[in-house]
Protein backbone atom coordinates (compact mmCIF):
# COMPACT_ATOMS: atom_id res chain seq x y z
CA VAL A 1 8.87 1.56 14.36
CA PHE A 2 9.08 -1.53 12.20
CA LEU A 3 6.23 -3.16 13.94
CA SER A 4 4.03 -0.25 13.11
CA LEU A 5 5.05 -0.55 9.34
CA GLN A 6 4.37 -4.26 9.71
CA LEU A 7 0.90 -3.58 10.93
CA PHE A 8 -0.12 -0.80 8.80
CA GLY A 9 1.27 -2.57 5.75
CA THR A 10 -0.72 -5.54 6.53
CA ILE A 11 -3.80 -3.51 7.05
CA VAL A 12 -3.52 -1.85 3.70
CA TRP A 13 -2.49 -5.11 1.84
CA ILE A 14 -5.71 -6.66 3.20
CA LEU A 15 -8.11 -3.53 2.47
CA VAL A 16 -6.79 -3.37 -1.12
CA ALA A 17 -6.99 -6.99 -1.83
CA SER A 18 -10.59 -6.95 -0.34
CA THR A 19 -11.93 -4.59 -2.96
CA GLY A 20 -13.12 -5.51 -6.41
CA ILE A 21 -9.93 -3.89 -8.28
CA PRO A 22 -12.04 -1.96 -10.69
CA LEU A 23 -8.81 -0.24 -11.90
CA PRO A 24 -6.00 -2.89 -11.85
CA LEU A 25 -3.12 -0.67 -12.87
CA LEU A 26 -3.56 1.82 -10.10
CA GLN A 27 -4.35 -0.45 -7.26
CA GLY A 28 -1.73 -3.02 -8.58
CA TRP A 29 0.84 -0.30 -7.86
CA VAL A 30 -0.69 0.15 -4.26
CA MET A 31 -0.58 -3.54 -3.60
CA PHE A 32 3.03 -3.84 -4.96
CA VAL A 33 4.12 -0.88 -2.63
CA ALA A 34 2.52 -2.51 0.34
CA VAL A 35 3.63 -5.93 -0.18
CA THR A 36 7.29 -4.76 -0.98
CA ALA A 37 7.58 -2.52 1.94
CA TRP A 38 5.93 -5.14 4.25
CA PHE A 39 8.68 -7.64 3.11
CA LEU A 40 11.61 -5.40 3.14
CA SER A 41 10.97 -4.29 6.71
CA ILE A 42 10.61 -7.92 7.83
CA VAL A 43 13.99 -8.46 6.28
CA PHE A 44 15.33 -5.12 7.93
CA LEU A 45 13.72 -6.08 11.27
CA SER A 46 15.32 -9.74 10.81
CA VAL A 47 18.93 -8.33 10.25
CA PHE A 48 18.63 -6.66 13.75
CA LEU A 49 16.96 -9.39 15.59
CA PHE A 50 19.48 -12.00 14.50
CA GLY A 51 22.53 -9.83 15.07
CA TYR A 52 23.68 -9.45 11.54
CA ALA A 53 23.80 -5.79 11.87
CA ASN A 54 26.90 -6.10 14.07
CA ARG A 55 28.42 -8.44 11.39
CA ILE A 56 27.81 -6.26 8.23
CA ALA A 57 29.76 -2.84 8.02
CA VAL A 58 27.12 -0.51 7.03
CA ASN A 59 26.13 2.79 8.50
CA TRP A 60 22.66 1.59 9.87
CA ASN A 61 21.50 5.19 10.85
CA GLN A 62 21.86 6.13 6.98
CA ALA A 63 20.27 2.98 5.62
CA ASP A 64 17.28 3.41 7.93
CA PHE A 65 16.94 7.01 6.99
CA ILE A 66 17.03 6.09 3.31
CA PHE A 67 14.73 3.01 3.89
CA HIS A 68 11.93 4.90 5.66
CA GLY A 69 12.53 7.91 3.28
CA ALA A 70 11.91 5.78 0.21
CA THR A 71 9.06 3.89 1.96
CA PHE A 72 7.62 7.37 2.68
CA VAL A 73 7.89 8.39 -1.11
CA PHE A 74 6.16 5.11 -2.28
CA TYR A 75 3.27 4.93 0.10
CA PHE A 76 2.73 8.50 -0.48
CA GLY A 77 2.51 7.99 -4.46
CA ALA A 78 0.26 4.64 -3.45
CA PHE A 79 -1.82 6.98 -1.35
CA LEU A 80 -2.49 9.34 -4.20
CA LEU A 81 -3.28 6.51 -6.65
CA GLN A 82 -5.63 4.96 -4.12
CA ALA A 83 -7.21 8.12 -3.34
CA ALA A 84 -7.76 9.01 -7.19
CA THR A 85 -9.40 5.51 -7.61
CA THR A 86 -11.81 6.17 -4.76
CA SER A 87 -12.63 9.51 -6.28
CA LEU A 88 -13.91 7.85 -9.42
CA HIS A 89 -16.60 5.89 -7.30
CA HIS A 90 -19.30 7.84 -8.94
CA LEU A 91 -18.55 7.06 -12.62
CA PRO A 92 -20.22 4.18 -14.37
CA ARG A 93 -18.40 0.98 -14.87
CA LYS A 94 -19.47 0.70 -18.50
CA PHE A 95 -20.21 4.06 -20.26
CA ASN A 96 -22.50 2.52 -22.98
CA SER A 97 -24.52 0.33 -20.72
CA THR A 98 -27.91 1.11 -19.53
CA THR A 99 -27.45 -0.17 -16.19
CA GLN A 100 -26.12 2.10 -13.41
CA GLU A 101 -23.44 -0.20 -12.27
CA ARG A 102 -20.71 2.11 -10.56
CA ILE A 103 -16.82 1.46 -10.48
CA LEU A 104 -16.86 1.12 -6.75
CA SER A 105 -20.08 -0.43 -4.81
CA GLY A 106 -20.98 1.10 -1.38
CA ARG A 107 -18.97 -1.36 0.46
CA GLU A 108 -16.07 -1.23 -1.89
CA TYR A 109 -16.01 2.55 -1.56
CA ASN A 110 -15.84 2.33 2.25
CA ILE A 111 -13.06 -0.12 1.99
CA SER A 112 -11.07 2.04 -0.55
CA ILE A 113 -11.45 5.13 1.79
CA ALA A 114 -9.99 3.03 4.62
CA ALA A 115 -7.11 1.88 2.49
CA SER A 116 -6.59 5.50 1.15
CA VAL A 117 -6.31 6.49 4.88
């Protein structure tokens, strides 16, 4: 389970970082969630790999449940924000401009869809 979190967290991290970040506040939260969940899952995995779980008196089943529950809530919120950013792709970047530059280019739109999924 932890390795899948690492893999998918890294993919989201890369996909969001490769877009042009047209809405920094929304996509900044997505990036924060991806990086934080990635880092915390590395720490959680290290606790088990190096045997610290036997030395620390914690109910690890409950800690695992809380960790994955919180990660689900934060990733779901990040999904909603990333999907909202993706849905705005048709809006112009500058409303008073004569050029038709969009918030997301075609490439950024496809990357943003992949990051949302």
